[in-house]
Amino acid sequence: MPGKRVQIDEETWQALVLLARDRKLDFQKLAEEAFKELLKKYDRPTTLKAALRRSAEQDQSRQTKKRNR
C-alpha cells in the first residue's frame, strides 16, 4: 500500500486523535473511512471492482449509442 504524507492542522489532528480513541480505531482506519465517504459523495467508485464495472457499463452505453445513429 503506498504511503502518503499529509499536513493536518493541530486542532483537527487532536479531534482525530480523540475520535480514533473513542471509536477504538487507528488513524489509518479513520482515513480509509473518510476517503471512501468522500469518493461516494462525488459518485466515484470506491473499489477496483466497482471502477471496472462502471467502465464496462460506460463502454457498453457508448457502443449502444453508436449503433443507434
N, C-alpha and C. Protein backbone atom coordinates (compact mmCIF):
# COMPACT_ATOMS: atom_id res chain seq x y z
N MET A 1 0.85 -1.16 0.00
CA MET A 1 0.00 0.00 0.00
C MET A 1 0.91 1.24 0.00
N PRO A 2 0.66 2.18 -0.92
CA PRO A 2 1.52 3.37 -0.96
C PRO A 2 1.30 4.26 0.25
N GLY A 3 2.37 4.81 0.74
CA GLY A 3 2.27 5.74 1.87
C GLY A 3 2.30 7.17 1.36
N LYS A 4 1.50 8.00 1.94
CA LYS A 4 1.45 9.41 1.56
C LYS A 4 1.56 10.25 2.83
N ARG A 5 2.15 11.40 2.67
CA ARG A 5 2.31 12.30 3.81
C ARG A 5 1.38 13.49 3.60
N VAL A 6 0.61 13.81 4.63
CA VAL A 6 -0.30 14.96 4.57
C VAL A 6 -0.07 15.83 5.79
N GLN A 7 -0.38 17.11 5.65
CA GLN A 7 -0.28 18.02 6.78
C GLN A 7 -1.69 18.33 7.28
N ILE A 8 -1.86 18.22 8.59
CA ILE A 8 -3.15 18.48 9.23
C ILE A 8 -2.91 19.48 10.35
N ASP A 9 -3.75 20.49 10.42
CA ASP A 9 -3.56 21.48 11.49
C ASP A 9 -3.76 20.82 12.85
N GLU A 10 -3.15 21.39 13.86
CA GLU A 10 -3.12 20.79 15.20
C GLU A 10 -4.51 20.56 15.78
N GLU A 11 -5.42 21.50 15.59
CA GLU A 11 -6.77 21.37 16.14
C GLU A 11 -7.50 20.17 15.51
N THR A 12 -7.39 20.04 14.21
CA THR A 12 -8.02 18.92 13.52
C THR A 12 -7.37 17.61 13.94
N TRP A 13 -6.05 17.61 14.06
CA TRP A 13 -5.33 16.40 14.47
C TRP A 13 -5.81 15.93 15.84
N GLN A 14 -5.94 16.85 16.78
CA GLN A 14 -6.39 16.48 18.12
C GLN A 14 -7.82 15.93 18.08
N ALA A 15 -8.67 16.51 17.25
CA ALA A 15 -10.04 16.00 17.11
C ALA A 15 -10.01 14.58 16.54
N LEU A 16 -9.11 14.33 15.59
CA LEU A 16 -8.99 12.99 15.01
C LEU A 16 -8.45 11.99 16.02
N VAL A 17 -7.50 12.42 16.83
CA VAL A 17 -6.95 11.55 17.88
C VAL A 17 -8.06 11.14 18.84
N LEU A 18 -8.87 12.10 19.26
CA LEU A 18 -9.99 11.80 20.17
C LEU A 18 -11.01 10.87 19.52
N LEU A 19 -11.33 11.13 18.26
CA LEU A 19 -12.27 10.28 17.54
C LEU A 19 -11.74 8.85 17.44
N ALA A 20 -10.47 8.73 17.09
CA ALA A 20 -9.86 7.41 16.97
C ALA A 20 -9.90 6.68 18.31
N ARG A 21 -9.62 7.39 19.37
CA ARG A 21 -9.64 6.78 20.70
C ARG A 21 -11.06 6.35 21.07
N ASP A 22 -12.03 7.22 20.82
CA ASP A 22 -13.43 6.91 21.14
C ASP A 22 -13.94 5.70 20.36
N ARG A 23 -13.54 5.61 19.11
CA ARG A 23 -14.02 4.52 18.25
C ARG A 23 -13.11 3.31 18.27
N LYS A 24 -12.00 3.41 19.01
CA LYS A 24 -11.01 2.32 19.10
C LYS A 24 -10.48 1.93 17.72
N LEU A 25 -10.13 2.95 16.94
CA LEU A 25 -9.57 2.76 15.61
C LEU A 25 -8.24 3.50 15.52
N ASP A 26 -7.40 3.06 14.60
CA ASP A 26 -6.17 3.82 14.37
C ASP A 26 -6.41 4.84 13.26
N PHE A 27 -5.44 5.72 13.06
CA PHE A 27 -5.59 6.79 12.08
C PHE A 27 -5.82 6.23 10.68
N GLN A 28 -5.15 5.14 10.35
CA GLN A 28 -5.30 4.53 9.02
C GLN A 28 -6.76 4.17 8.74
N LYS A 29 -7.41 3.54 9.70
CA LYS A 29 -8.81 3.16 9.51
C LYS A 29 -9.71 4.38 9.38
N LEU A 30 -9.45 5.41 10.19
CA LEU A 30 -10.23 6.65 10.07
C LEU A 30 -10.05 7.26 8.68
N ALA A 31 -8.82 7.30 8.21
CA ALA A 31 -8.54 7.89 6.90
C ALA A 31 -9.22 7.09 5.79
N GLU A 32 -9.14 5.77 5.85
CA GLU A 32 -9.79 4.93 4.84
C GLU A 32 -11.29 5.20 4.79
N GLU A 33 -11.91 5.27 5.96
CA GLU A 33 -13.35 5.54 6.04
C GLU A 33 -13.68 6.92 5.46
N ALA A 34 -12.88 7.91 5.81
CA ALA A 34 -13.12 9.27 5.33
C ALA A 34 -12.97 9.37 3.82
N PHE A 35 -11.93 8.75 3.27
CA PHE A 35 -11.72 8.81 1.82
C PHE A 35 -12.80 8.04 1.07
N LYS A 36 -13.24 6.93 1.63
CA LYS A 36 -14.31 6.17 0.98
C LYS A 36 -15.59 7.00 0.93
N GLU A 37 -15.92 7.68 2.03
CA GLU A 37 -17.11 8.54 2.06
C GLU A 37 -16.98 9.71 1.08
N LEU A 38 -15.78 10.27 0.98
CA LEU A 38 -15.55 11.37 0.04
C LEU A 38 -15.76 10.91 -1.41
N LEU A 39 -15.26 9.73 -1.73
CA LEU A 39 -15.46 9.19 -3.08
C LEU A 39 -16.95 8.95 -3.36
N LYS A 40 -17.67 8.42 -2.39
CA LYS A 40 -19.11 8.20 -2.56
C LYS A 40 -19.84 9.52 -2.77
N LYS A 41 -19.45 10.54 -2.01
CA LYS A 41 -20.09 11.86 -2.12
C LYS A 41 -20.02 12.38 -3.55
N TYR A 42 -18.91 12.15 -4.21
CA TYR A 42 -18.73 12.64 -5.58
C TYR A 42 -19.00 11.56 -6.62
N ASP A 43 -19.72 10.52 -6.22
CA ASP A 43 -20.14 9.45 -7.11
C ASP A 43 -18.97 8.82 -7.87
N ARG A 44 -17.93 8.50 -7.12
CA ARG A 44 -16.75 7.85 -7.68
C ARG A 44 -16.67 6.43 -7.12
N PRO A 45 -16.16 5.48 -7.89
CA PRO A 45 -16.04 4.11 -7.38
C PRO A 45 -15.06 4.03 -6.21
N THR A 46 -15.36 3.16 -5.27
CA THR A 46 -14.51 3.04 -4.08
C THR A 46 -13.64 1.79 -4.10
N THR A 47 -13.86 0.91 -5.07
CA THR A 47 -13.05 -0.29 -5.19
C THR A 47 -12.68 -0.50 -6.66
N LEU A 48 -11.67 -1.31 -6.90
CA LEU A 48 -11.28 -1.63 -8.27
C LEU A 48 -12.42 -2.32 -9.00
N LYS A 49 -13.09 -3.23 -8.32
CA LYS A 49 -14.21 -3.95 -8.93
C LYS A 49 -15.30 -2.98 -9.38
N ALA A 50 -15.63 -2.02 -8.54
CA ALA A 50 -16.65 -1.03 -8.88
C ALA A 50 -16.19 -0.15 -10.05
N ALA A 51 -14.90 0.20 -10.08
CA ALA A 51 -14.37 1.01 -11.17
C ALA A 51 -14.44 0.26 -12.49
N LEU A 52 -14.09 -1.01 -12.48
CA LEU A 52 -14.14 -1.83 -13.69
C LEU A 52 -15.58 -2.00 -14.17
N ARG A 53 -16.48 -2.22 -13.23
CA ARG A 53 -17.90 -2.37 -13.59
C ARG A 53 -18.42 -1.09 -14.24
N ARG A 54 -18.11 0.05 -13.64
CA ARG A 54 -18.55 1.33 -14.18
C ARG A 54 -17.97 1.56 -15.58
N SER A 55 -16.71 1.24 -15.75
CA SER A 55 -16.06 1.41 -17.04
C SER A 55 -16.72 0.55 -18.10
N ALA A 56 -17.02 -0.69 -17.76
CA ALA A 56 -17.68 -1.60 -18.70
C ALA A 56 -19.07 -1.09 -19.06
N GLU A 57 -19.79 -0.58 -18.07
CA GLU A 57 -21.14 -0.05 -18.33
C GLU A 57 -21.07 1.18 -19.24
N GLN A 58 -20.10 2.04 -19.00
CA GLN A 58 -19.95 3.23 -19.84
C GLN A 58 -19.58 2.85 -21.27
N ASP A 59 -18.70 1.86 -21.41
CA ASP A 59 -18.29 1.40 -22.74
C ASP A 59 -19.48 0.81 -23.48
N GLN A 60 -20.27 0.00 -22.78
CA GLN A 60 -21.45 -0.61 -23.39
C GLN A 60 -22.44 0.47 -23.80
N SER A 61 -22.61 1.49 -22.97
CA SER A 61 -23.51 2.59 -23.29
C SER A 61 -23.04 3.35 -24.52
N ARG A 62 -21.74 3.58 -24.64
CA ARG A 62 -21.20 4.27 -25.81
C ARG A 62 -21.43 3.45 -27.08
N GLN A 63 -21.22 2.15 -26.98
CA GLN A 63 -21.40 1.28 -28.15
C GLN A 63 -22.86 1.26 -28.58
N THR A 64 -23.77 1.24 -27.62
CA THR A 64 -25.20 1.26 -27.93
C THR A 64 -25.58 2.56 -28.63
N LYS A 65 -25.05 3.67 -28.15
CA LYS A 65 -25.34 4.97 -28.77
C LYS A 65 -24.82 5.01 -30.20
N LYS A 66 -23.63 4.45 -30.45
CA LYS A 66 -23.06 4.44 -31.80
C LYS A 66 -23.93 3.62 -32.75
N ARG A 67 -24.45 2.50 -32.27
CA ARG A 67 -25.29 1.63 -33.11
C ARG A 67 -26.61 2.30 -33.46
N ASN A 68 -27.11 3.13 -32.56
CA ASN A 68 -28.41 3.76 -32.77
C ASN A 68 -28.33 5.00 -33.67
N ARG A 69 -27.16 5.36 -34.12
CA ARG A 69 -27.02 6.54 -35.00
C ARG A 69 -27.38 6.23 -36.42
